[in-house]
Protein backbone atom coordinates (compact mmCIF):
# COMPACT_ATOMS: atom_id res chain seq x y z
CA MET A 1 18.56 10.84 3.31
CA THR A 2 18.26 14.19 1.58
CA ASP A 3 15.99 16.98 2.70
CA LYS A 4 13.94 16.42 -0.46
CA SER A 5 11.37 14.62 1.61
CA GLU A 6 12.08 14.00 5.28
CA LEU A 7 10.49 10.92 6.82
CA PHE A 8 8.62 10.89 10.09
CA PRO A 9 10.65 9.08 12.77
CA GLY A 10 10.18 5.33 12.55
CA THR A 11 8.76 5.25 9.03
CA LEU A 12 11.94 4.08 7.30
CA ASP A 13 11.63 0.64 8.92
CA MET A 14 8.05 0.35 7.69
CA LEU A 15 9.02 1.34 4.15
CA ILE A 16 11.91 -1.12 4.06
CA LEU A 17 9.64 -3.91 5.34
CA ARG A 18 7.14 -3.02 2.62
CA VAL A 19 9.79 -3.16 -0.11
CA LEU A 20 11.08 -6.50 1.20
CA SER A 21 7.53 -7.90 1.28
CA ARG A 22 7.80 -7.96 -2.52
CA GLY A 23 10.98 -10.05 -2.47
CA GLU A 24 14.54 -10.17 -1.21
CA LEU A 25 16.98 -7.40 -2.12
CA HIS A 26 20.47 -6.21 -1.24
CA GLY A 27 21.05 -2.78 0.30
CA TRP A 28 21.49 -0.89 -2.97
CA GLY A 29 18.41 -2.64 -4.36
CA ILE A 30 16.37 -1.46 -1.36
CA THR A 31 17.43 2.18 -1.74
CA ASN A 32 16.88 2.01 -5.50
CA LYS A 33 13.39 0.52 -5.07
CA LEU A 34 12.42 3.16 -2.47
CA GLU A 35 13.58 5.92 -4.80
CA GLN A 36 11.75 4.36 -7.73
CA LEU A 37 8.47 3.81 -5.85
CA SER A 38 8.56 7.34 -4.41
CA GLN A 39 9.24 8.83 -7.84
CA SER A 40 12.63 10.06 -6.57
CA ALA A 41 11.09 11.90 -3.59
CA LEU A 42 12.96 9.61 -1.15
CA GLN A 43 16.69 9.14 -1.31
CA VAL A 44 17.91 7.00 1.56
CA ASP A 45 21.64 7.13 2.25
CA GLU A 46 23.74 4.32 3.71
CA GLY A 47 23.96 6.13 7.05
CA SER A 48 20.20 5.71 7.46
CA LEU A 49 19.66 2.41 5.64
CA TYR A 50 22.15 0.09 7.30
CA PRO A 51 21.42 1.00 10.93
CA SER A 52 17.75 0.35 10.15
CA LEU A 53 18.55 -3.00 8.51
CA TYR A 54 20.79 -4.08 11.42
CA ARG A 55 18.14 -3.06 13.96
CA MET A 56 15.42 -5.01 12.14
CA GLU A 57 17.71 -8.02 11.79
CA ASP A 58 18.34 -7.93 15.56
CA LYS A 59 14.58 -7.84 16.16
CA GLY A 60 14.07 -10.85 13.88
CA TRP A 61 11.97 -8.96 11.32
CA ILE A 62 14.42 -9.60 8.49
CA GLU A 63 17.21 -12.05 7.82
CA ALA A 64 20.31 -11.65 5.69
CA GLU A 65 22.41 -13.95 3.53
CA TRP A 66 25.61 -13.24 1.60
CA ARG A 67 25.29 -14.10 -2.10
CA MET A 68 26.55 -13.08 -5.51
CA THR A 69 24.72 -10.28 -7.33
CA GLU A 70 23.77 -10.21 -10.99
CA ASN A 71 27.06 -8.30 -11.52
CA ASN A 72 29.05 -11.14 -9.93
CA ARG A 73 29.76 -9.17 -6.74
CA ARG A 74 29.21 -10.31 -3.18
CA ALA A 75 26.28 -8.63 -1.42
CA LYS A 76 24.10 -9.21 1.60
CA TYR A 77 20.54 -10.01 0.56
CA TYR A 78 17.75 -9.17 3.00
CA SER A 79 14.42 -10.96 3.23
CA LEU A 80 11.33 -10.61 5.38
CA THR A 81 10.65 -13.14 8.13
CA ARG A 82 7.25 -14.20 9.43
CA ALA A 83 7.75 -11.82 12.37
CA GLY A 84 8.62 -9.08 9.87
CA ARG A 85 5.37 -9.65 7.97
CA LYS A 86 3.43 -9.34 11.23
CA GLN A 87 5.33 -6.18 12.10
CA LEU A 88 4.60 -4.72 8.66
CA GLU A 89 0.88 -5.39 9.12
CA HIS A 90 1.02 -3.72 12.53
CA GLU A 91 2.92 -0.70 11.14
CA GLN A 92 0.45 -0.33 8.27
CA GLU A 93 -2.49 -0.36 10.69
CA LEU A 94 -0.82 2.28 12.88
CA TRP A 95 -0.01 4.41 9.83
CA ALA A 96 -3.61 4.24 8.57
CA ARG A 97 -4.93 5.18 12.02
CA MET A 98 -2.53 8.12 12.39
CA ASN A 99 -3.30 9.27 8.86
CA THR A 100 -7.01 9.34 9.73
CA ILE A 101 -6.39 11.21 13.00
CA ILE A 102 -4.14 13.79 11.34
CA GLY A 103 -6.71 14.23 8.57
CA LEU A 104 -9.45 14.90 11.11
CA VAL A 105 -7.38 17.55 12.85
CA MET A 106 -6.28 19.20 9.61
CA GLN A 107 -9.86 19.38 8.32
CA SER A 108 -11.29 20.82 11.54
CA THR A 109 -12.34 24.45 11.68
């Protein structure tokens, strides 16, 4: 990840879950989608992406399957599980709550 826009600790998992909630993708597709949705503000490198994917796979939030890409190359496709959808909902609720709390503090005099 570049210093263009540093993420708060723990937010990469939430963003990956959100991207995968729209459909299954391989690793490059995930990083490309994050960059696209953030208007190039986020650039996630492999050293950040794959540890996050492996961790979420271990927790049962995502599952992976080897398949052929549109370019006829083998790639691991990741998809959201039911547990992953629940985790995404939980993460979004926490994010909204923290956003409100931070806003209150920042607007105080």
